[in-house]
Each structure stands twice: as C-alpha cells, then as structure tokens.
C-alpha cells in the first residue's frame, strides 16, 4: 500500500513537472518580435526628388526641372523564437513574412486621416531558441503611390523646404511558421517626418 502511494505521488509530481515545462515551452514557442525599425530613429521622407533634364536632340533647349516621388524603406530588425517541442530538432524553423500593414497617424493634425498601406513581401526570419540572433532586412514603409496620393500637391520648384507632417506609423508584419504553419505576427512603431528636404544631385538623393 505504501509503495503504491509512493508511486502515485511520484507519478503526480512527474506529471506536474512535465506540465509546467510544457507550459514554459509553449509560452516561448512561435514568438515573433520586432526589435527595431530604422534603428529607433525617425525616418525623413522627402516628398519629391528633383533632377535637371535637357533635351538631347536640342542642345539650345533650356534645362527643365523634373521630379520623382519615391518609396521609402527602413531597416527592420526581427527575432523569432520557436522551440518546436515534439518535432525533430534538425528542422529549420523560420517565420515566413508575406505582408506588412502600415497604419499612419498624424502627430500634428489629429483630424487628418490617412488610409493604411498593405505591402506584399517575402522575408524569412530564422528561429533561434536562445533569442539572441537578429534578422536584418529592408522593407518599404511608405509606398510611392501612397505618398503621391497625400503629398504630391506639396511639390513645387523651388521647393518650399520644411516639414509638412510628422506621422506615427504602426507596422504589423504577418506570415506563418514554416513547419507548424501557425500564423505569426509582430508589430513595431516608427516616426516618419514628411516634408521637402534638400536633395543631392539626381533622383533618390
């Protein structure tokens, strides 16, 4: 009787240990995190990049100023923790990010409403159970079409230099785990300063 009772107590203790351990593993499993966007620094978004164009077939023609409205990208740092309890340890766990949704909120004019932007992408974030490795990549945070929609009316030459709006962007990345196919999501924030800023020579500067 005593041996049976001792065995039962041991069995319960072992089950409790497995349950606690399993809960800890579950809590650490499939965790996707945005470590930083643009290294935590505000992103300056120039409304238009100017260039000088001269008609090559008419050497006497006056130079003309032209411009392009470009997309803005930022460095993304992400971490992914996937323990994968019960699955082969050699399996290369990774989060496959296929979409970023960006919501913009003006910090200058509370009544200004911007539509969100959905940005398709394909990015792999390798899992690391130690939560030490960081995957770095660049992603669009302001599509050119979106910027054109809201700010093309501010383009002029010579530019009226200055800030037009300061926006808090909330970027939500979503995708799935390559092994379990579970949905994974992570959100980060970025401050974007839209305006007319001095260019270098040519587009994109």
Protein backbone atom coordinates (compact mmCIF):
# COMPACT_ATOMS: atom_id res chain seq x y z
CA UNK A 1 0.00 0.00 0.00
CA UNK A 2 2.79 2.39 0.93
CA UNK A 3 4.69 1.53 -2.27
CA UNK A 4 1.57 2.16 -4.34
CA UNK A 5 1.02 5.50 -2.62
CA UNK A 6 4.67 6.48 -3.12
CA UNK A 7 4.46 5.54 -6.78
CA UNK A 8 1.29 7.57 -7.21
CA UNK A 9 2.88 10.63 -5.59
CA UNK A 10 5.94 10.27 -7.83
CA UNK A 11 3.76 9.95 -10.90
CA UNK A 12 1.77 13.08 -10.00
CA UNK A 13 4.97 15.04 -9.35
CA UNK A 14 6.42 13.97 -12.69
CA UNK A 15 3.22 14.90 -14.50
CA UNK A 16 3.22 18.31 -12.83
CA UNK A 17 6.83 18.88 -13.87
CA UNK A 18 6.03 17.94 -17.46
CA UNK A 19 3.00 20.23 -17.43
CA UNK A 20 4.98 23.20 -16.13
CA UNK A 21 7.82 22.54 -18.57
CA UNK A 22 5.35 22.16 -21.40
CA UNK A 23 3.68 25.45 -20.49
CA UNK A 24 7.04 27.22 -20.43
CA UNK A 25 7.91 25.81 -23.84
CA UNK A 26 4.51 26.78 -25.18
CA UNK A 27 4.92 30.32 -23.89
CA UNK A 28 8.27 30.62 -25.64
CA UNK A 29 7.05 28.95 -28.81
CA UNK A 30 6.28 30.82 -32.02
CA UNK A 31 7.23 34.27 -30.71
CA UNK A 32 7.93 36.82 -33.44
CA UNK A 33 9.22 40.21 -32.32
CA UNK A 34 10.20 43.47 -33.98
CA UNK A 35 13.44 44.50 -32.29
CA UNK A 36 13.62 47.86 -34.06
CA UNK A 37 12.57 49.79 -37.15
CA UNK A 38 15.08 52.22 -38.66
CA UNK A 39 17.22 51.59 -35.54
CA UNK A 40 14.72 53.56 -33.48
CA UNK A 41 15.47 56.80 -35.34
CA UNK A 42 12.82 58.94 -37.07
CA UNK A 43 12.72 58.48 -40.85
CA UNK A 44 12.82 61.59 -43.03
CA UNK A 45 10.63 61.15 -46.09
CA UNK A 46 11.39 63.65 -48.85
CA UNK A 47 8.24 64.29 -50.88
CA UNK A 48 10.00 64.63 -54.22
CA UNK A 49 13.48 64.09 -55.63
CA UNK A 50 14.40 66.63 -58.31
CA UNK A 51 16.66 66.32 -61.34
CA UNK A 52 17.59 68.51 -64.30
CA UNK A 53 16.57 67.28 -67.75
CA UNK A 54 17.86 68.66 -71.06
CA UNK A 55 16.56 67.58 -74.45
CA UNK A 56 19.49 65.66 -76.01
CA UNK A 57 18.25 66.50 -79.50
CA UNK A 58 18.16 70.23 -78.88
CA UNK A 59 21.41 71.50 -77.35
CA UNK A 60 19.99 75.04 -77.17
CA UNK A 61 16.93 73.99 -75.20
CA UNK A 62 16.53 75.37 -71.70
CA UNK A 63 17.10 72.81 -68.91
CA UNK A 64 13.92 71.69 -67.22
CA UNK A 65 13.41 70.51 -63.69
CA UNK A 66 11.59 67.24 -63.23
CA UNK A 67 10.87 65.16 -60.16
CA UNK A 68 10.06 61.67 -58.97
CA UNK A 69 8.14 60.60 -55.88
CA UNK A 70 9.95 57.62 -54.42
CA UNK A 71 9.01 54.92 -51.92
CA UNK A 72 10.74 54.95 -48.53
CA UNK A 73 12.32 51.91 -46.92
CA UNK A 74 13.65 51.30 -43.44
CA UNK A 75 15.88 48.71 -41.82
CA UNK A 76 13.87 46.12 -39.91
CA UNK A 77 15.35 44.01 -37.13
CA UNK A 78 13.31 40.97 -36.11
CA UNK A 79 13.67 37.98 -33.82
CA UNK A 80 11.82 34.69 -33.93
CA UNK A 81 11.76 32.10 -31.13
CA UNK A 82 10.37 28.67 -31.98
CA UNK A 83 11.09 25.83 -29.55
CA UNK A 84 9.26 23.21 -31.58
CA UNK A 85 8.63 20.77 -28.74
CA UNK A 86 7.99 17.26 -30.02
CA UNK A 87 9.32 17.92 -33.51
CA UNK A 88 12.75 16.99 -34.92
CA UNK A 89 15.44 19.32 -33.66
CA UNK A 90 17.07 19.49 -37.09
CA UNK A 91 14.03 21.11 -38.66
CA UNK A 92 14.97 24.61 -39.89
CA UNK A 93 12.25 26.64 -38.22
CA UNK A 94 11.66 30.05 -39.71
CA UNK A 95 8.93 32.64 -39.91
CA UNK A 96 7.88 33.45 -43.45
CA UNK A 97 6.67 37.05 -43.56
CA UNK A 98 4.40 37.73 -46.53
CA UNK A 99 2.74 41.03 -45.64
CA UNK A 100 3.24 44.28 -43.81
CA UNK A 101 0.31 46.54 -42.98
CA UNK A 102 1.21 50.13 -42.13
CA UNK A 103 -1.18 52.49 -40.36
CA UNK A 104 -0.30 56.18 -40.25
CA UNK A 105 -1.43 58.63 -37.56
CA UNK A 106 -0.64 62.33 -37.79
CA UNK A 107 1.04 63.79 -34.72
CA UNK A 108 0.40 67.34 -35.98
CA UNK A 109 -3.25 67.27 -37.07
CA UNK A 110 -5.46 64.80 -35.14
CA UNK A 111 -8.24 65.27 -37.72
CA UNK A 112 -6.05 64.14 -40.60
CA UNK A 113 -6.94 60.59 -41.61
CA UNK A 114 -4.56 58.52 -43.72
CA UNK A 115 -5.51 55.23 -45.33
CA UNK A 116 -3.37 52.25 -44.31
CA UNK A 117 -0.98 50.68 -46.79
CA UNK A 118 -0.69 46.94 -47.35
CA UNK A 119 2.74 45.92 -48.63
CA UNK A 120 3.27 42.39 -50.00
CA UNK A 121 6.68 40.95 -49.26
CA UNK A 122 8.61 37.73 -48.82
CA UNK A 123 11.06 37.64 -45.95
CA UNK A 124 12.45 34.73 -43.93
CA UNK A 125 13.28 35.17 -40.25
CA UNK A 126 15.25 32.22 -38.90
CA UNK A 127 14.26 30.88 -35.50
CA UNK A 128 16.69 30.95 -32.60
CA UNK A 129 15.66 29.32 -29.32
CA UNK A 130 18.25 31.42 -27.45
CA UNK A 131 16.51 34.61 -28.57
CA UNK A 132 19.88 36.21 -29.37
CA UNK A 133 20.07 36.25 -33.17
CA UNK A 134 18.54 39.12 -35.12
CA UNK A 135 17.49 39.06 -38.76
CA UNK A 136 18.03 42.38 -40.53
CA UNK A 137 16.38 43.39 -43.78
CA UNK A 138 14.95 46.43 -45.54
CA UNK A 139 11.24 46.83 -46.18
CA UNK A 140 9.07 49.52 -47.72
CA UNK A 141 7.24 51.54 -45.08
CA UNK A 142 5.92 54.30 -47.37
CA UNK A 143 4.83 53.16 -50.86
CA UNK A 144 5.33 55.69 -53.67
CA UNK A 145 1.65 55.54 -54.63
CA UNK A 146 0.59 56.27 -51.06
CA UNK A 147 2.95 59.25 -50.82
CA UNK A 148 1.78 60.56 -54.19
CA UNK A 149 -1.86 60.37 -53.09
CA UNK A 150 -1.36 62.51 -50.00
CA UNK A 151 1.60 64.77 -50.73
CA UNK A 152 2.01 65.39 -54.47
CA UNK A 153 0.15 68.67 -54.02
CA UNK A 154 3.08 69.87 -51.89
CA UNK A 155 5.58 69.52 -54.74
CA UNK A 156 6.93 72.80 -56.12
CA UNK A 157 10.14 74.15 -57.58
CA UNK A 158 11.98 75.66 -55.97
CA UNK A 159 10.81 73.52 -53.05
CA UNK A 160 9.27 75.13 -50.02
CA UNK A 161 11.65 73.49 -47.59
CA UNK A 162 10.25 72.33 -44.30
CA UNK A 163 8.24 69.65 -42.54
CA UNK A 164 4.68 69.01 -43.72
CA UNK A 165 3.59 66.36 -41.23
CA UNK A 166 5.04 64.09 -38.55
CA UNK A 167 3.39 60.70 -38.54
CA UNK A 168 3.47 57.73 -36.19
CA UNK A 169 3.50 54.59 -38.31
CA UNK A 170 2.42 51.28 -36.82
CA UNK A 171 3.80 48.42 -38.89
CA UNK A 172 2.29 44.96 -38.45
CA UNK A 173 4.14 42.07 -40.06
CA UNK A 174 2.30 38.81 -40.58
CA UNK A 175 3.03 35.39 -42.00
CA UNK A 176 3.36 31.80 -40.84
CA UNK A 177 5.78 29.29 -39.34
CA UNK A 178 7.48 27.16 -41.99
CA UNK A 179 6.96 23.89 -40.06
CA UNK A 180 3.79 24.19 -37.99
CA UNK A 181 2.09 26.60 -40.44
CA UNK A 182 0.84 28.59 -37.47
CA UNK A 183 0.13 32.26 -38.07
CA UNK A 184 2.77 34.63 -36.68
CA UNK A 185 2.52 38.39 -36.22
CA UNK A 186 4.68 41.17 -34.86
CA UNK A 187 4.17 44.92 -34.58
CA UNK A 188 6.59 47.83 -34.38
CA UNK A 189 6.36 51.61 -34.50
CA UNK A 190 8.21 54.23 -36.49
CA UNK A 191 8.13 58.03 -36.60
CA UNK A 192 8.12 59.44 -40.14
CA UNK A 193 8.74 63.09 -40.92
CA UNK A 194 7.25 64.07 -44.30
CA UNK A 195 8.46 67.24 -45.94
CA UNK A 196 10.57 68.97 -48.56
CA UNK A 197 14.21 68.46 -47.73
CA UNK A 198 17.33 69.46 -49.71
CA UNK A 199 18.30 66.97 -52.42
CA UNK A 200 21.62 65.88 -53.73
CA UNK A 201 22.09 65.54 -57.46
CA UNK A 202 19.68 63.27 -59.31
CA UNK A 203 16.80 61.12 -58.16
CA UNK A 204 16.81 59.26 -54.88
CA UNK A 205 19.04 61.67 -53.01
